[in-house]
């Protein structure tokens, strides 16, 4: 008996996803009617559906599975869209319906994708917020380090030293995470700023101290200058009688009148004002005596013999000087010593060229005269006048 074999016709299908296929000859028909597409969408939804009991956001595996299923929905969406689009060439007339179906599928699966991924999306948004707050907190702490270097200019060295110590105690390895380098940079810059401020205060203190020291030194120098000036004025005042030894009575009188008319000012002598007044009186007294003596000498007859050493007058050691009264005053004629005999003024002046100290030395060495007496005669010889010494008149 002959057995007939009935061949089963194989109908081509298009696989959307494993277990989900669509017949090729039904593509246009299916995509032309949304009611026919719903069964496929239902299968896809079932394939990517997340069971909260088995898949949770609390684990990395769960979050990855949710992302994977959302991605799977996206792939099946792409496959479905491609199947629909590829069928357009078979029937141009139904392209509008197919496009509507494609749009329907896209919208539905996008919604499905978004709904599927919604828990993960919300979780990511929350994580982003947490991360932003974390970064903002760290940056605020770093900014707080910089605030330490904000100064008002009234800080002391001790205060700045305390701030530098506080900055040194900041541990940049803790709490700054990936911004540790930025924190370290802030610490370095703030320490440099504080150190610079401290150096400026030290320099300013040193400048002020130097100014004080300079002012003190200037004051001392000014006081010393004033003291020297006062001493110079006093010495000048005291030396007036010596300067007028051997002068005429008229010259001495003029100087005396000038000194008597001079008003000693306290601002010129300071604390030595009383001393200046006393010295002025002494100078006036001396000049008065010198003027009176000069008047007496100028009125005496010539020649006159002066005993240089009254204590030895009449002895063999007496040294006498002879003077002659002329129109220019009383002038020295000669000096007579018991041993050397007469010595004229020209003898001594030629020997010592008019130097008072050398005249004194000559008189002491050559004549054996005492220093005090030789000094008096030396001044006499230099001024060509008679000093204030004992005298006696000789017979004409």
Protein backbone atom coordinates (compact mmCIF):
# COMPACT_ATOMS: atom_id res chain seq x y z
CA UNK A 1 0.00 0.00 0.00
CA UNK A 2 1.44 3.25 -1.08
CA UNK A 3 1.81 5.84 1.66
CA UNK A 4 1.61 9.41 0.62
CA UNK A 5 3.75 11.97 2.41
CA UNK A 6 2.15 15.30 2.98
CA UNK A 7 4.76 18.00 3.08
CA UNK A 8 4.14 20.63 5.69
CA UNK A 9 4.58 24.12 4.33
CA UNK A 10 7.11 26.12 6.29
CA UNK A 11 6.04 29.69 6.76
CA UNK A 12 8.91 32.17 7.23
CA UNK A 13 8.81 34.14 10.44
CA UNK A 14 10.73 37.09 11.79
CA UNK A 15 12.09 36.86 15.33
CA UNK A 16 11.58 39.89 17.46
CA UNK A 17 13.09 38.23 20.53
CA UNK A 18 13.63 34.67 21.53
CA UNK A 19 10.19 33.15 21.70
CA UNK A 20 8.51 36.12 20.07
CA UNK A 21 8.11 35.91 16.27
CA UNK A 22 5.89 37.33 13.58
CA UNK A 23 5.02 35.75 10.28
CA UNK A 24 6.46 37.53 7.32
CA UNK A 25 3.20 37.37 5.44
CA UNK A 26 1.41 38.95 8.35
CA UNK A 27 3.80 41.88 8.91
CA UNK A 28 1.91 44.46 6.94
CA UNK A 29 -1.42 43.24 8.22
CA UNK A 30 -0.20 43.19 11.79
CA UNK A 31 1.42 46.63 11.70
CA UNK A 32 -1.65 48.00 9.98
CA UNK A 33 -3.86 47.17 12.95
CA UNK A 34 -2.93 48.15 16.48
CA UNK A 35 -5.21 45.45 17.85
CA UNK A 36 -2.99 42.85 16.13
CA UNK A 37 0.15 44.50 17.62
CA UNK A 38 -1.08 44.41 21.22
CA UNK A 39 -0.38 40.68 21.68
CA UNK A 40 3.25 41.27 20.72
CA UNK A 41 3.54 44.21 23.06
CA UNK A 42 2.04 42.11 25.81
CA UNK A 43 4.68 39.41 25.23
CA UNK A 44 7.48 41.98 25.24
CA UNK A 45 6.13 43.56 28.42
CA UNK A 46 6.01 40.17 30.04
CA UNK A 47 9.60 39.49 28.92
CA UNK A 48 10.95 42.64 30.57
CA UNK A 49 8.62 42.88 33.54
CA UNK A 50 10.44 43.39 36.86
CA UNK A 51 9.26 41.36 39.85
CA UNK A 52 9.94 43.49 42.99
CA UNK A 53 10.12 40.34 45.07
CA UNK A 54 13.04 38.90 43.10
CA UNK A 55 14.64 42.05 41.74
CA UNK A 56 15.40 44.93 44.13
CA UNK A 57 17.20 48.27 43.94
CA UNK A 58 19.05 47.49 47.16
CA UNK A 59 21.61 45.34 45.37
CA UNK A 60 23.95 46.07 42.50
CA UNK A 61 22.75 42.91 40.75
CA UNK A 62 19.15 44.06 41.02
CA UNK A 63 19.95 47.52 39.63
CA UNK A 64 21.89 45.97 36.75
CA UNK A 65 19.01 43.58 36.01
CA UNK A 66 16.53 46.46 35.84
CA UNK A 67 18.85 48.37 33.49
CA UNK A 68 19.30 45.22 31.40
CA UNK A 69 15.57 44.66 31.02
CA UNK A 70 15.01 48.28 30.08
CA UNK A 71 17.74 47.92 27.50
CA UNK A 72 16.08 44.68 26.30
CA UNK A 73 12.80 46.52 25.85
CA UNK A 74 14.67 49.11 23.82
CA UNK A 75 16.21 46.42 21.61
CA UNK A 76 12.83 44.74 21.00
CA UNK A 77 11.41 48.14 20.19
CA UNK A 78 14.12 48.59 17.61
CA UNK A 79 13.48 45.11 16.18
CA UNK A 80 9.76 45.70 15.95
CA UNK A 81 10.29 49.07 14.31
CA UNK A 82 12.70 47.61 11.82
CA UNK A 83 10.26 44.79 10.93
CA UNK A 84 7.52 47.33 10.29
CA UNK A 85 9.76 49.63 8.31
CA UNK A 86 11.08 46.78 6.15
CA UNK A 87 7.55 45.81 5.16
CA UNK A 88 6.87 49.22 3.66
CA UNK A 89 8.36 48.18 0.34
CA UNK A 90 5.76 45.40 0.00
CA UNK A 91 2.78 47.64 0.23
CA UNK A 92 3.10 51.32 -0.35
CA UNK A 93 -0.59 51.81 0.01
CA UNK A 94 -0.55 50.71 3.64
CA UNK A 95 2.53 52.74 4.61
CA UNK A 96 0.51 55.25 6.53
CA UNK A 97 -1.11 52.58 8.62
CA UNK A 98 2.23 50.87 9.21
CA UNK A 99 3.84 54.15 10.27
CA UNK A 100 1.02 54.74 12.67
CA UNK A 101 1.65 51.27 14.02
CA UNK A 102 5.35 51.99 14.30
CA UNK A 103 4.64 55.20 16.15
CA UNK A 104 2.25 53.41 18.39
CA UNK A 105 4.81 50.76 19.17
CA UNK A 106 7.50 53.37 19.81
CA UNK A 107 5.34 55.35 22.16
CA UNK A 108 4.09 52.31 23.98
CA UNK A 109 7.52 50.76 24.36
CA UNK A 110 9.13 54.08 25.31
CA UNK A 111 6.55 54.36 28.02
CA UNK A 112 7.22 50.79 28.99
CA UNK A 113 10.92 51.44 29.01
CA UNK A 114 10.55 54.55 31.10
CA UNK A 115 8.14 52.89 33.47
CA UNK A 116 10.48 49.92 33.74
CA UNK A 117 13.48 52.13 34.40
CA UNK A 118 11.68 54.69 36.57
CA UNK A 119 12.85 53.27 39.94
CA UNK A 120 16.45 53.23 38.77
CA UNK A 121 16.17 56.71 37.29
CA UNK A 122 14.82 58.08 40.55
CA UNK A 123 17.60 56.34 42.45
CA UNK A 124 20.23 57.84 40.13
CA UNK A 125 18.73 61.31 40.54
CA UNK A 126 18.91 60.93 44.30
CA UNK A 127 22.49 59.75 44.08
CA UNK A 128 23.35 62.75 41.92
CA UNK A 129 21.83 65.05 44.51
CA UNK A 130 23.78 63.37 47.30
CA UNK A 131 26.99 63.63 45.29
CA UNK A 132 26.46 67.30 44.52
CA UNK A 133 25.86 68.04 48.19
CA UNK A 134 28.97 66.09 49.15
CA UNK A 135 31.13 68.03 46.68
CA UNK A 136 29.57 71.33 47.70
CA UNK A 137 30.31 70.56 51.36
CA UNK A 138 33.96 69.79 50.63
CA UNK A 139 34.39 72.94 48.55
CA UNK A 140 32.81 74.97 51.33
CA UNK A 141 35.34 73.53 53.80
CA UNK A 142 38.19 74.46 51.43
CA UNK A 143 36.79 77.97 51.10
CA UNK A 144 36.69 78.11 54.88
CA UNK A 145 40.46 77.56 54.89
CA UNK A 146 40.94 80.58 52.62
CA UNK A 147 38.74 82.69 54.92
CA UNK A 148 41.38 82.29 57.65
CA UNK A 149 43.70 84.55 55.65
CA UNK A 150 41.11 87.35 55.54
CA UNK A 151 42.58 89.92 57.94
CA UNK A 152 41.40 93.35 59.15
CA UNK A 153 44.90 94.72 59.72
CA UNK A 154 44.57 94.88 63.52
CA UNK A 155 45.99 91.41 64.26
CA UNK A 156 49.01 91.00 66.53
CA UNK A 157 51.97 88.70 65.92
CA UNK A 158 50.63 86.29 68.56
CA UNK A 159 47.23 86.16 66.84
CA UNK A 160 48.80 85.49 63.44
CA UNK A 161 51.01 82.82 64.99
CA UNK A 162 47.88 81.15 66.41
CA UNK A 163 46.20 81.21 62.97
CA UNK A 164 49.26 79.65 61.34
CA UNK A 165 49.26 76.90 63.98
CA UNK A 166 45.53 76.27 63.35
CA UNK A 167 46.15 75.93 59.60
CA UNK A 168 49.07 73.57 60.28
CA UNK A 169 46.70 71.29 62.21
CA UNK A 170 44.35 70.82 59.23
CA UNK A 171 44.59 67.18 58.02
CA UNK A 172 44.05 67.28 54.25
CA UNK A 173 44.01 63.48 54.04
CA UNK A 174 40.73 63.25 55.93
CA UNK A 175 37.33 64.47 54.74
CA UNK A 176 38.41 66.03 51.45
CA UNK A 177 38.30 62.85 49.31
CA UNK A 178 39.28 63.59 45.70
CA UNK A 179 39.75 67.29 46.59
CA UNK A 180 42.63 66.62 49.00
CA UNK A 181 45.09 68.32 46.61
CA UNK A 182 42.90 71.43 46.50
CA UNK A 183 42.74 71.48 50.30
CA UNK A 184 46.53 71.16 50.53
CA UNK A 185 46.93 74.03 48.04
CA UNK A 186 44.62 76.19 50.16
CA UNK A 187 46.62 75.40 53.33
CA UNK A 188 49.91 76.36 51.63
CA UNK A 189 48.55 79.62 50.20
CA UNK A 190 46.92 80.64 53.50
CA UNK A 191 50.11 79.93 55.46
CA UNK A 192 52.10 82.03 52.99
CA UNK A 193 49.60 84.90 53.30
CA UNK A 194 49.65 84.75 57.12
CA UNK A 195 53.45 84.54 57.19
CA UNK A 196 53.68 87.53 54.86
CA UNK A 197 51.33 89.50 57.09
CA UNK A 198 53.45 88.58 60.13
CA UNK A 199 56.64 89.69 58.36
CA UNK A 200 55.02 93.00 57.47
CA UNK A 201 54.03 93.56 61.12
CA UNK A 202 57.57 92.69 62.26
CA UNK A 203 59.04 95.05 59.65
CA UNK A 204 56.64 97.82 60.70
CA UNK A 205 57.51 97.29 64.38
CA UNK A 206 61.20 97.43 63.53
CA UNK A 207 60.65 100.59 61.48
CA UNK A 208 58.77 102.25 64.33
CA UNK A 209 61.43 101.16 66.83
CA UNK A 210 64.13 102.51 64.52
CA UNK A 211 62.27 105.81 64.26
CA UNK A 212 61.97 105.99 68.06
CA UNK A 213 65.66 105.18 68.45
CA UNK A 214 66.57 107.77 65.82
CA UNK A 215 64.38 110.36 67.55
CA UNK A 216 66.05 109.52 70.87
CA UNK A 217 69.50 109.73 69.28
CA UNK A 218 68.62 112.99 67.57
CA UNK A 219 67.41 114.35 70.88
CA UNK A 220 70.66 113.31 72.56
CA UNK A 221 72.69 114.81 69.73
CA UNK A 222 70.68 118.03 69.91
CA UNK A 223 71.15 118.17 73.67
CA UNK A 224 74.87 117.52 73.19
CA UNK A 225 75.02 120.19 70.48
CA UNK A 226 73.26 122.66 72.75
CA UNK A 227 75.56 121.67 75.62
CA UNK A 228 78.65 122.23 73.44
CA UNK A 229 77.21 125.52 72.19
CA UNK A 230 76.57 126.65 75.77
CA UNK A 231 80.07 125.58 76.81
CA UNK A 232 81.49 127.46 73.83
CA UNK A 233 79.54 130.61 74.76
CA UNK A 234 80.69 130.35 78.38
CA UNK A 235 84.32 129.80 77.38
CA UNK A 236 84.14 132.70 74.96
CA UNK A 237 82.72 134.88 77.73
CA UNK A 238 85.33 133.74 80.24
CA UNK A 239 88.23 134.29 77.81
CA UNK A 240 87.38 137.93 77.17
CA UNK A 241 89.64 139.26 79.99
CA UNK A 242 92.56 137.19 78.68
CA UNK A 243 91.96 138.47 75.14
CA UNK A 244 92.15 142.06 76.43
CA UNK A 245 95.37 141.69 78.43
CA UNK A 246 97.72 144.51 77.42
CA UNK A 247 94.95 146.41 75.59
CA UNK A 248 94.47 150.14 76.12
CA UNK A 249 92.02 151.47 78.68
CA UNK A 250 89.84 152.77 75.85
CA UNK A 251 89.61 149.33 74.16
CA UNK A 252 88.93 147.60 77.45
CA UNK A 253 86.29 150.23 78.28
CA UNK A 254 84.45 149.67 75.01
CA UNK A 255 84.41 145.92 75.59
CA UNK A 256 83.28 146.45 79.16
CA UNK A 257 80.36 148.59 77.99
CA UNK A 258 79.44 145.90 75.45
CA UNK A 259 79.46 143.15 78.09
CA UNK A 260 77.46 145.27 80.52
CA UNK A 261 74.85 145.89 77.81
CA UNK A 262 74.71 142.20 76.86
CA UNK A 263 71.55 140.49 78.17
CA UNK A 264 72.15 136.85 79.07
CA UNK A 265 69.19 134.85 77.68
CA UNK A 266 67.98 131.72 79.39
CA UNK A 267 67.23 130.05 76.03
CA UNK A 268 70.91 130.46 75.07
CA UNK A 269 72.27 128.79 78.20
CA UNK A 270 69.50 126.47 79.45
CA UNK A 271 70.25 124.93 82.81
CA UNK A 272 73.54 126.88 82.95
CA UNK A 273 71.76 130.20 82.84
CA UNK A 274 72.71 131.07 86.44
CA UNK A 275 76.32 130.11 85.72
CA UNK A 276 76.32 132.42 82.68
CA UNK A 277 75.01 135.29 84.79
CA UNK A 278 77.74 134.66 87.36
CA UNK A 279 80.43 134.46 84.63
CA UNK A 280 79.16 137.72 83.12
CA UNK A 281 79.50 139.44 86.48
CA UNK A 282 83.01 138.01 86.94
CA UNK A 283 84.07 139.19 83.46
CA UNK A 284 82.63 142.67 84.14
CA UNK A 285 84.56 142.82 87.42
CA UNK A 286 87.81 141.73 85.76
CA UNK A 287 87.45 144.10 82.83
CA UNK A 288 86.66 146.94 85.24
CA UNK A 289 89.86 146.18 87.18
CA UNK A 290 91.86 145.85 83.94
CA UNK A 291 90.48 149.15 82.64
CA UNK A 292 91.35 150.93 85.90
CA UNK A 293 94.85 149.43 85.91
CA UNK A 294 95.36 150.33 82.25
CA UNK A 295 94.32 153.91 83.01
CA UNK A 296 96.82 154.00 85.89
CA UNK A 297 99.63 152.60 83.77
CA UNK A 298 98.89 154.93 80.87
CA UNK A 299 99.11 157.96 83.20
CA UNK A 300 102.42 157.00 84.92
CA UNK A 301 105.75 158.75 83.98
CA UNK A 302 108.42 156.90 81.99
CA UNK A 303 110.69 155.08 82.30
CA UNK A 304 109.16 152.54 84.65
CA UNK A 305 110.90 149.54 86.20
CA UNK A 306 108.71 146.45 86.79
CA UNK A 307 109.72 143.83 89.33
CA UNK A 308 108.67 140.56 87.76
CA UNK A 309 108.99 138.64 90.97
CA UNK A 310 108.11 140.93 93.87
CA UNK A 311 109.11 138.31 96.43
CA UNK A 312 112.70 138.44 95.19
CA UNK A 313 112.82 142.16 94.56
CA UNK A 314 116.25 143.59 95.48
CA UNK A 315 117.92 140.18 95.50
CA UNK A 316 120.45 138.85 93.04
CA UNK A 317 117.69 136.79 91.37
CA UNK A 318 115.48 139.77 90.56
CA UNK A 319 114.53 139.95 86.90
CA UNK A 320 113.48 143.44 85.86
CA UNK A 321 111.83 144.78 82.75
CA UNK A 322 112.18 148.39 81.63
CA UNK A 323 109.35 150.10 79.76
CA UNK A 324 109.03 153.43 78.06
CA UNK A 325 105.83 155.43 77.77
CA UNK A 326 105.15 156.54 74.20
CA UNK A 327 102.21 157.93 72.23
CA UNK A 328 101.15 154.31 71.45
CA UNK A 329 101.25 153.29 75.10
CA UNK A 330 103.84 151.83 77.43
CA UNK A 331 106.19 149.50 75.54
CA UNK A 332 108.87 147.09 76.70
CA UNK A 333 112.42 148.42 76.36
CA UNK A 334 114.46 145.56 77.82
CA UNK A 335 114.56 142.72 80.30
CA UNK A 336 117.53 142.49 82.67
CA UNK A 337 118.63 139.30 84.39
CA UNK A 338 121.45 139.17 86.98
CA UNK A 339 123.31 136.49 85.05
CA UNK A 340 122.61 137.28 81.42
CA UNK A 341 122.40 141.02 81.64
CA UNK A 342 120.01 143.08 79.49
CA UNK A 343 117.93 141.18 76.93
CA UNK A 344 115.96 143.19 74.42
CA UNK A 345 112.53 142.30 73.12
CA UNK A 346 113.98 141.69 69.67
CA UNK A 347 116.37 139.02 71.05
CA UNK A 348 113.50 136.83 72.23
CA UNK A 349 111.13 137.52 69.36
CA UNK A 350 113.76 136.56 66.80
CA UNK A 351 114.52 133.39 68.70
CA UNK A 352 110.91 132.18 68.93
CA UNK A 353 109.22 133.91 66.01
CA UNK A 354 106.56 135.34 68.30
CA UNK A 355 105.26 131.97 69.57
CA UNK A 356 104.09 132.53 73.14
CA UNK A 357 104.84 129.00 74.33
CA UNK A 358 108.36 129.14 72.91
CA UNK A 359 108.93 132.51 74.58
CA UNK A 360 107.89 130.95 77.90
CA UNK A 361 110.23 128.03 77.29
CA UNK A 362 113.09 130.41 76.44
CA UNK A 363 112.57 132.42 79.60
CA UNK A 364 112.41 129.35 81.75
CA UNK A 365 115.40 127.58 80.14
CA UNK A 366 117.65 130.58 79.55
CA UNK A 367 116.64 132.93 82.35
CA UNK A 368 115.51 130.47 85.00
CA UNK A 369 112.19 132.24 85.41
CA UNK A 370 109.17 130.52 86.93
CA UNK A 371 106.48 129.46 84.45
CA UNK A 372 103.82 131.80 85.84
CA UNK A 373 106.10 134.83 85.57
CA UNK A 374 107.43 133.83 82.13
CA UNK A 375 103.87 133.45 80.85
CA UNK A 376 103.04 136.99 81.95
CA UNK A 377 106.11 138.39 80.22
CA UNK A 378 105.38 136.28 77.13
CA UNK A 379 101.91 137.85 76.82
CA UNK A 380 103.58 141.23 77.42
CA UNK A 381 106.03 140.67 74.61
CA UNK A 382 103.31 139.44 72.22
CA UNK A 383 100.98 142.37 72.91
CA UNK A 384 103.76 144.96 73.31
CA UNK A 385 101.86 146.17 76.40
CA UNK A 386 102.41 146.22 80.16
CA UNK A 387 100.59 143.45 82.08
CA UNK A 388 98.99 143.90 85.50
CA UNK A 389 102.10 143.65 87.69
CA UNK A 390 103.65 145.55 90.56
CA UNK A 391 105.56 148.56 89.34
CA UNK A 392 107.57 151.41 90.78
CA UNK A 393 108.46 154.74 89.30
CA UNK A 394 112.11 155.63 88.66
CA UNK A 395 113.59 159.09 88.88
CA UNK A 396 113.57 161.14 85.67
